Amino acid sequence: MPDLTLSSGQGAEVLCSIKTKVHAIGLGVAAGLLKAIELAESRYRGLVVWSPDEPFSVGADLQADAAAVHVGWRESLGARRK
C-alpha cells in the first residue's frame, strides 16, 4: 500500500498514516483504508488514522479517478481488488 502505511507494534490498534501529497484521499488510499478496516476487525481492537504533520487531510482527490466518482467509490474499489 504505497499510499498508506500500516503498523501495529505491540498495541491493540492498527495505526494507519496517509502518505499521499497533502494526505489526499484517492482510490489507493480508500482501498488501503478498506483493507486496514478488515485487518483491524479481524485481529485488533481498533484502527487509528493519523498524520504526523499538517494538514491531517485535504479530503478526497476527485481528479485522481473522475470515472470512479460516476461509477461509485465502492464499485470502483471492488473492481481494483480483482
Foldseek 3Di string as FASTA:
>chain_A
DVQKDWDQPPAQEIEIEGRDVQSADELVNVLVVVVRVVVSVVRGDYYHYAYPDPDRHPYHDCVVCVVCVVVDSVVVSVVVVD
